[in-house]
Amino acid sequence: EQISSITLQPEELRAVHRLEVAEIEGRV
């Protein structure tokens, strides 16, 4: 419920992702 209620600030953020730690490597 908390995750689905996230309202992104459009001037700063375009999306939210839920990733395993290994999936984050290469994206940061």
PDB file of all heavy atoms in Angstrom:
ATOM      1  N   GLU A   1       0.830  -1.212   0.000  1.00  0.00           N
ATOM      2  CA  GLU A   1       0.000   0.000   0.000  1.00  0.00           C
ATOM      3  C   GLU A   1       0.860   1.255   0.000  1.00  0.00           C
ATOM      4  O   GLU A   1       0.588   2.207  -0.741  1.00  0.00           O
ATOM      5  CB  GLU A   1      -0.936  -0.009   1.214  1.00  0.00           C
ATOM      6  CG  GLU A   1      -1.873   1.175   1.256  1.00  0.00           C
ATOM      7  CD  GLU A   1      -2.782   1.145   2.483  1.00  0.00           C
ATOM      8  OE1 GLU A   1      -3.168   0.045   2.919  1.00  0.00           O
ATOM      9  OE2 GLU A   1      -3.076   2.230   2.995  1.00  0.00           O
ATOM     10  N   GLN A   2       1.909   1.260   0.817  1.00  0.00           N
ATOM     11  CA  GLN A   2       2.799   2.427   0.853  1.00  0.00           C
ATOM     12  C   GLN A   2       3.505   2.624  -0.490  1.00  0.00           C
ATOM     13  O   GLN A   2       3.606   3.748  -0.979  1.00  0.00           O
ATOM     14  CB  GLN A   2       3.837   2.270   1.969  1.00  0.00           C
ATOM     15  CG  GLN A   2       3.255   2.439   3.358  1.00  0.00           C
ATOM     16  CD  GLN A   2       4.263   2.067   4.430  1.00  0.00           C
ATOM     17  OE1 GLN A   2       4.910   1.024   4.365  1.00  0.00           O
ATOM     18  NE2 GLN A   2       4.395   2.941   5.422  1.00  0.00           N
ATOM     19  N   ILE A   3       3.972   1.534  -1.074  1.00  0.00           N
ATOM     20  CA  ILE A   3       4.676   1.640  -2.358  1.00  0.00           C
ATOM     21  C   ILE A   3       3.735   2.140  -3.446  1.00  0.00           C
ATOM     22  O   ILE A   3       4.094   3.007  -4.244  1.00  0.00           O
ATOM     23  CB  ILE A   3       5.334   0.299  -2.738  1.00  0.00           C
ATOM     24  CG1 ILE A   3       6.465  -0.017  -1.738  1.00  0.00           C
ATOM     25  CG2 ILE A   3       5.878   0.341  -4.171  1.00  0.00           C
ATOM     26  CD1 ILE A   3       7.032  -1.407  -1.848  1.00  0.00           C
ATOM     27  N   SER A   4       2.511   1.629  -3.465  1.00  0.00           N
ATOM     28  CA  SER A   4       1.565   2.066  -4.503  1.00  0.00           C
ATOM     29  C   SER A   4       1.100   3.498  -4.282  1.00  0.00           C
ATOM     30  O   SER A   4       0.612   4.147  -5.203  1.00  0.00           O
ATOM     31  CB  SER A   4       0.373   1.112  -4.598  1.00  0.00           C
ATOM     32  OG  SER A   4      -0.365   1.133  -3.403  1.00  0.00           O
ATOM     33  N   SER A   5       1.272   4.026  -3.061  1.00  0.00           N
ATOM     34  CA  SER A   5       0.856   5.405  -2.782  1.00  0.00           C
ATOM     35  C   SER A   5       1.951   6.424  -3.095  1.00  0.00           C
ATOM     36  O   SER A   5       1.731   7.628  -2.951  1.00  0.00           O
ATOM     37  CB  SER A   5       0.429   5.554  -1.317  1.00  0.00           C
ATOM     38  OG  SER A   5       1.569   5.563  -0.466  1.00  0.00           O
ATOM     39  N   ILE A   6       3.130   5.965  -3.513  1.00  0.00           N
ATOM     40  CA  ILE A   6       4.217   6.891  -3.829  1.00  0.00           C
ATOM     41  C   ILE A   6       3.777   7.834  -4.940  1.00  0.00           C
ATOM     42  O   ILE A   6       3.277   7.415  -5.971  1.00  0.00           O
ATOM     43  CB  ILE A   6       5.500   6.129  -4.230  1.00  0.00           C
ATOM     44  CG1 ILE A   6       6.077   5.419  -3.003  1.00  0.00           C
ATOM     45  CG2 ILE A   6       6.529   7.079  -4.855  1.00  0.00           C
ATOM     46  CD1 ILE A   6       7.277   4.531  -3.297  1.00  0.00           C
ATOM     47  N   THR A   7       3.937   9.117  -4.669  1.00  0.00           N
ATOM     48  CA  THR A   7       3.627  10.162  -5.647  1.00  0.00           C
ATOM     49  C   THR A   7       4.938  10.868  -5.966  1.00  0.00           C
ATOM     50  O   THR A   7       5.463  11.602  -5.132  1.00  0.00           O
ATOM     51  CB  THR A   7       2.604  11.162  -5.052  1.00  0.00           C
ATOM     52  OG1 THR A   7       1.467  10.450  -4.602  1.00  0.00           O
ATOM     53  CG2 THR A   7       2.213  12.200  -6.085  1.00  0.00           C
ATOM     54  N   LEU A   8       5.455  10.621  -7.158  1.00  0.00           N
ATOM     55  CA  LEU A   8       6.749  11.181  -7.525  1.00  0.00           C
ATOM     56  C   LEU A   8       6.668  12.666  -7.824  1.00  0.00           C
ATOM     57  O   LEU A   8       5.702  13.130  -8.429  1.00  0.00           O
ATOM     58  CB  LEU A   8       7.302  10.442  -8.739  1.00  0.00           C
ATOM     59  CG  LEU A   8       7.557   8.953  -8.548  1.00  0.00           C
ATOM     60  CD1 LEU A   8       8.026   8.329  -9.853  1.00  0.00           C
ATOM     61  CD2 LEU A   8       8.574   8.701  -7.447  1.00  0.00           C
ATOM     62  N   GLN A   9       7.686  13.395  -7.410  1.00  0.00           N
ATOM     63  CA  GLN A   9       7.807  14.814  -7.720  1.00  0.00           C
ATOM     64  C   GLN A   9       8.276  14.898  -9.179  1.00  0.00           C
ATOM     65  O   GLN A   9       9.426  14.580  -9.490  1.00  0.00           O
ATOM     66  CB  GLN A   9       8.812  15.458  -6.770  1.00  0.00           C
ATOM     67  CG  GLN A   9       8.920  16.944  -6.898  1.00  0.00           C
ATOM     68  CD  GLN A   9       9.927  17.494  -5.899  1.00  0.00           C
ATOM     69  OE1 GLN A   9      10.951  16.890  -5.642  1.00  0.00           O
ATOM     70  NE2 GLN A   9       9.625  18.665  -5.365  1.00  0.00           N
ATOM     71  N   PRO A  10       7.402  15.305 -10.115  1.00  0.00           N
ATOM     72  CA  PRO A  10       7.722  15.210 -11.546  1.00  0.00           C
ATOM     73  C   PRO A  10       8.906  16.062 -12.002  1.00  0.00           C
ATOM     74  O   PRO A  10       9.543  15.726 -12.999  1.00  0.00           O
ATOM     75  CB  PRO A  10       6.430  15.647 -12.241  1.00  0.00           C
ATOM     76  CG  PRO A  10       5.646  16.375 -11.219  1.00  0.00           C
ATOM     77  CD  PRO A  10       6.075  15.856  -9.875  1.00  0.00           C
ATOM     78  N   GLU A  11       9.230  17.121 -11.274  1.00  0.00           N
ATOM     79  CA  GLU A  11      10.386  17.938 -11.654  1.00  0.00           C
ATOM     80  C   GLU A  11      11.694  17.206 -11.381  1.00  0.00           C
ATOM     81  O   GLU A  11      12.736  17.582 -11.903  1.00  0.00           O
ATOM     82  CB  GLU A  11      10.423  19.274 -10.890  1.00  0.00           C
ATOM     83  CG  GLU A  11       9.170  20.106 -10.944  1.00  0.00           C
ATOM     84  CD  GLU A  11       8.126  19.634  -9.933  1.00  0.00           C
ATOM     85  OE1 GLU A  11       8.458  19.349  -8.768  1.00  0.00           O
ATOM     86  OE2 GLU A  11       6.956  19.538 -10.336  1.00  0.00           O
ATOM     87  N   GLU A  12      11.644  16.180 -10.526  1.00  0.00           N
ATOM     88  CA  GLU A  12      12.865  15.477 -10.131  1.00  0.00           C
ATOM     89  C   GLU A  12      12.880  14.002 -10.510  1.00  0.00           C
ATOM     90  O   GLU A  12      13.941  13.469 -10.814  1.00  0.00           O
ATOM     91  CB  GLU A  12      13.078  15.598  -8.620  1.00  0.00           C
ATOM     92  CG  GLU A  12      13.493  16.982  -8.181  1.00  0.00           C
ATOM     93  CD  GLU A  12      14.034  16.988  -6.766  1.00  0.00           C
ATOM     94  OE1 GLU A  12      14.690  16.002  -6.364  1.00  0.00           O
ATOM     95  OE2 GLU A  12      13.798  17.979  -6.068  1.00  0.00           O
ATOM     96  N   LEU A  13      11.728  13.333 -10.446  1.00  0.00           N
ATOM     97  CA  LEU A  13      11.702  11.880 -10.610  1.00  0.00           C
ATOM     98  C   LEU A  13      10.705  11.443 -11.664  1.00  0.00           C
ATOM     99  O   LEU A  13       9.610  11.990 -11.762  1.00  0.00           O
ATOM    100  CB  LEU A  13      11.362  11.214  -9.278  1.00  0.00           C
ATOM    101  CG  LEU A  13      12.291  11.539  -8.109  1.00  0.00           C
ATOM    102  CD1 LEU A  13      11.763  10.930  -6.823  1.00  0.00           C
ATOM    103  CD2 LEU A  13      13.705  11.062  -8.391  1.00  0.00           C
ATOM    104  N   ARG A  14      11.081  10.399 -12.424  1.00  0.00           N
ATOM    105  CA  ARG A  14      10.181   9.893 -13.457  1.00  0.00           C
ATOM    106  C   ARG A  14       9.623   8.511 -13.147  1.00  0.00           C
ATOM    107  O   ARG A  14       8.620   8.120 -13.719  1.00  0.00           O
ATOM    108  CB  ARG A  14      10.857   9.902 -14.824  1.00  0.00           C
ATOM    109  CG  ARG A  14      11.916   8.867 -15.044  1.00  0.00           C
ATOM    110  CD  ARG A  14      12.378   8.756 -16.509  1.00  0.00           C
ATOM    111  NE  ARG A  14      12.759  10.005 -17.080  1.00  0.00           N
ATOM    112  CZ  ARG A  14      14.005  10.472 -17.159  1.00  0.00           C
ATOM    113  NH1 ARG A  14      15.001   9.742 -16.712  1.00  0.00           N
ATOM    114  NH2 ARG A  14      14.256  11.636 -17.700  1.00  0.00           N
ATOM    115  N   ALA A  15      10.294   7.745 -12.258  1.00  0.00           N
ATOM    116  CA  ALA A  15       9.818   6.383 -11.999  1.00  0.00           C
ATOM    117  C   ALA A  15      10.370   5.863 -10.681  1.00  0.00           C
ATOM    118  O   ALA A  15      11.355   6.382 -10.152  1.00  0.00           O
ATOM    119  CB  ALA A  15      10.233   5.454 -13.136  1.00  0.00           C
ATOM    120  N   VAL A  16       9.698   4.843 -10.182  1.00  0.00           N
ATOM    121  CA  VAL A  16      10.167   4.116  -9.004  1.00  0.00           C
ATOM    122  C   VAL A  16      10.346   2.659  -9.423  1.00  0.00           C
ATOM    123  O   VAL A  16       9.568   2.134 -10.215  1.00  0.00           O
ATOM    124  CB  VAL A  16       9.192   4.275  -7.806  1.00  0.00           C
ATOM    125  CG1 VAL A  16       7.845   3.664  -8.100  1.00  0.00           C
ATOM    126  CG2 VAL A  16       9.775   3.703  -6.541  1.00  0.00           C
ATOM    127  N   HIS A  17      11.397   2.031  -8.907  1.00  0.00           N
ATOM    128  CA  HIS A  17      11.706   0.646  -9.250  1.00  0.00           C
ATOM    129  C   HIS A  17      11.950  -0.142  -7.975  1.00  0.00           C
ATOM    130  O   HIS A  17      12.449   0.406  -6.997  1.00  0.00           O
ATOM    131  CB  HIS A  17      12.971   0.561 -10.115  1.00  0.00           C
ATOM    132  CG  HIS A  17      12.905   1.371 -11.362  1.00  0.00           C
ATOM    133  ND1 HIS A  17      12.348   0.892 -12.522  1.00  0.00           N
ATOM    134  CD2 HIS A  17      13.314   2.636 -11.635  1.00  0.00           C
ATOM    135  CE1 HIS A  17      12.429   1.820 -13.460  1.00  0.00           C
ATOM    136  NE2 HIS A  17      13.006   2.891 -12.944  1.00  0.00           N
ATOM    137  N   ARG A  18      11.618  -1.423  -8.006  1.00  0.00           N
ATOM    138  CA  ARG A  18      11.972  -2.340  -6.922  1.00  0.00           C
ATOM    139  C   ARG A  18      12.905  -3.382  -7.525  1.00  0.00           C
ATOM    140  O   ARG A  18      12.502  -4.134  -8.407  1.00  0.00           O
ATOM    141  CB  ARG A  18      10.737  -3.004  -6.339  1.00  0.00           C
ATOM    142  CG  ARG A  18       9.867  -2.011  -5.602  1.00  0.00           C
ATOM    143  CD  ARG A  18       8.772  -2.696  -4.872  1.00  0.00           C
ATOM    144  NE  ARG A  18       7.576  -2.805  -5.705  1.00  0.00           N
ATOM    145  CZ  ARG A  18       6.475  -3.411  -5.323  1.00  0.00           C
ATOM    146  NH1 ARG A  18       6.400  -3.980  -4.145  1.00  0.00           N
ATOM    147  NH2 ARG A  18       5.433  -3.452  -6.123  1.00  0.00           N
ATOM    148  N   LEU A  19      14.144  -3.400  -7.031  1.00  0.00           N
ATOM    149  CA  LEU A  19      15.165  -4.234  -7.654  1.00  0.00           C
ATOM    150  C   LEU A  19      15.943  -5.037  -6.619  1.00  0.00           C
ATOM    151  O   LEU A  19      16.204  -4.559  -5.512  1.00  0.00           O
ATOM    152  CB  LEU A  19      16.155  -3.357  -8.429  1.00  0.00           C
ATOM    153  CG  LEU A  19      15.570  -2.475  -9.528  1.00  0.00           C
ATOM    154  CD1 LEU A  19      16.588  -1.442  -9.970  1.00  0.00           C
ATOM    155  CD2 LEU A  19      15.120  -3.327 -10.694  1.00  0.00           C
ATOM    156  N   GLU A  20      16.319  -6.244  -7.019  1.00  0.00           N
ATOM    157  CA  GLU A  20      17.276  -7.012  -6.223  1.00  0.00           C
ATOM    158  C   GLU A  20      18.600  -6.255  -6.280  1.00  0.00           C
ATOM    159  O   GLU A  20      18.894  -5.571  -7.272  1.00  0.00           O
ATOM    160  CB  GLU A  20      17.453  -8.415  -6.800  1.00  0.00           C
ATOM    161  CG  GLU A  20      16.194  -9.249  -6.838  1.00  0.00           C
ATOM    162  CD  GLU A  20      15.735  -9.702  -5.462  1.00  0.00           C
ATOM    163  OE1 GLU A  20      16.582  -9.748  -4.537  1.00  0.00           O
ATOM    164  OE2 GLU A  20      14.538 -10.006  -5.323  1.00  0.00           O
ATOM    165  N   VAL A  21      19.418  -6.394  -5.247  1.00  0.00           N
ATOM    166  CA  VAL A  21      20.689  -5.679  -5.212  1.00  0.00           C
ATOM    167  C   VAL A  21      21.501  -5.967  -6.476  1.00  0.00           C
ATOM    168  O   VAL A  21      22.042  -5.048  -7.095  1.00  0.00           O
ATOM    169  CB  VAL A  21      21.492  -6.027  -3.937  1.00  0.00           C
ATOM    170  CG1 VAL A  21      22.890  -5.416  -3.985  1.00  0.00           C
ATOM    171  CG2 VAL A  21      20.757  -5.544  -2.691  1.00  0.00           C
ATOM    172  N   ALA A  22      21.574  -7.219  -6.903  1.00  0.00           N
ATOM    173  CA  ALA A  22      22.360  -7.576  -8.089  1.00  0.00           C
ATOM    174  C   ALA A  22      21.839  -6.887  -9.349  1.00  0.00           C
ATOM    175  O   ALA A  22      22.617  -6.610 -10.262  1.00  0.00           O
ATOM    176  CB  ALA A  22      22.356  -9.087  -8.280  1.00  0.00           C
ATOM    177  N   GLU A  23      20.555  -6.595  -9.416  1.00  0.00           N
ATOM    178  CA  GLU A  23      19.967  -5.934 -10.577  1.00  0.00           C
ATOM    179  C   GLU A  23      20.333  -4.445 -10.646  1.00  0.00           C
ATOM    180  O   GLU A  23      20.176  -3.815 -11.695  1.00  0.00           O
ATOM    181  CB  GLU A  23      18.440  -6.050 -10.565  1.00  0.00           C
ATOM    182  CG  GLU A  23      17.920  -7.460 -10.706  1.00  0.00           C
ATOM    183  CD  GLU A  23      16.405  -7.511 -10.557  1.00  0.00           C
ATOM    184  OE1 GLU A  23      15.883  -7.036  -9.515  1.00  0.00           O
ATOM    185  OE2 GLU A  23      15.760  -8.014 -11.489  1.00  0.00           O
ATOM    186  N   ILE A  24      20.795  -3.896  -9.539  1.00  0.00           N
ATOM    187  CA  ILE A  24      21.113  -2.464  -9.476  1.00  0.00           C
ATOM    188  C   ILE A  24      22.493  -2.182 -10.067  1.00  0.00           C
ATOM    189  O   ILE A  24      22.710  -1.127 -10.655  1.00  0.00           O
ATOM    190  CB  ILE A  24      21.005  -1.962  -8.022  1.00  0.00           C
ATOM    191  CG1 ILE A  24      19.561  -2.134  -7.535  1.00  0.00           C
ATOM    192  CG2 ILE A  24      21.464  -0.518  -7.901  1.00  0.00           C
ATOM    193  CD1 ILE A  24      19.380  -1.929  -6.054  1.00  0.00           C
ATOM    194  N   GLU A  25      23.390  -3.149  -9.968  1.00  0.00           N
ATOM    195  CA  GLU A  25      24.742  -2.955 -10.503  1.00  0.00           C
ATOM    196  C   GLU A  25      24.655  -2.622 -11.988  1.00  0.00           C
ATOM    197  O   GLU A  25      23.919  -3.236 -12.735  1.00  0.00           O
ATOM    198  CB  GLU A  25      25.594  -4.203 -10.289  1.00  0.00           C
ATOM    199  CG  GLU A  25      27.055  -3.968 -10.563  1.00  0.00           C
ATOM    200  CD  GLU A  25      27.935  -5.105 -10.089  1.00  0.00           C
ATOM    201  OE1 GLU A  25      27.435  -6.219  -9.878  1.00  0.00           O
ATOM    202  OE2 GLU A  25      29.141  -4.856  -9.943  1.00  0.00           O
ATOM    203  N   GLY A  26      25.384  -1.609 -12.404  1.00  0.00           N
ATOM    204  CA  GLY A  26      25.344  -1.153 -13.791  1.00  0.00           C
ATOM    205  C   GLY A  26      24.298  -0.079 -14.035  1.00  0.00           C
ATOM    206  O   GLY A  26      24.334   0.594 -15.059  1.00  0.00           O
ATOM    207  N   ARG A  27      23.360   0.090 -13.086  1.00  0.00           N
ATOM    208  CA  ARG A  27      22.348   1.138 -13.219  1.00  0.00           C
ATOM    209  C   ARG A  27      22.657   2.320 -12.309  1.00  0.00           C
ATOM    210  O   ARG A  27      21.894   3.278 -12.250  1.00  0.00           O
ATOM    211  CB  ARG A  27      20.963   0.571 -12.908  1.00  0.00           C
ATOM    212  CG  ARG A  27      20.588  -0.538 -13.910  1.00  0.00           C
ATOM    213  CD  ARG A  27      19.207  -1.015 -13.722  1.00  0.00           C
ATOM    214  NE  ARG A  27      18.275  -0.023 -14.243  1.00  0.00           N
ATOM    215  CZ  ARG A  27      16.958  -0.175 -14.220  1.00  0.00           C
ATOM    216  NH1 ARG A  27      16.424  -1.269 -13.718  1.00  0.00           N
ATOM    217  NH2 ARG A  27      16.174   0.763 -14.700  1.00  0.00           N
ATOM    218  N   VAL A  28      23.768   2.207 -11.568  1.00  0.00           N
ATOM    219  CA  VAL A  28      24.284   3.273 -10.699  1.00  0.00           C
ATOM    220  C   VAL A  28      25.798   3.301 -10.872  1.00  0.00           C
ATOM    221  O   VAL A  28      26.393   2.362 -11.402  1.00  0.00           O
ATOM    222  CB  VAL A  28      23.924   3.028  -9.210  1.00  0.00           C
ATOM    223  CG1 VAL A  28      22.426   3.041  -8.992  1.00  0.00           C
ATOM    224  CG2 VAL A  28      24.524   1.728  -8.690  1.00  0.00           C
TER     225      VAL A  28
END
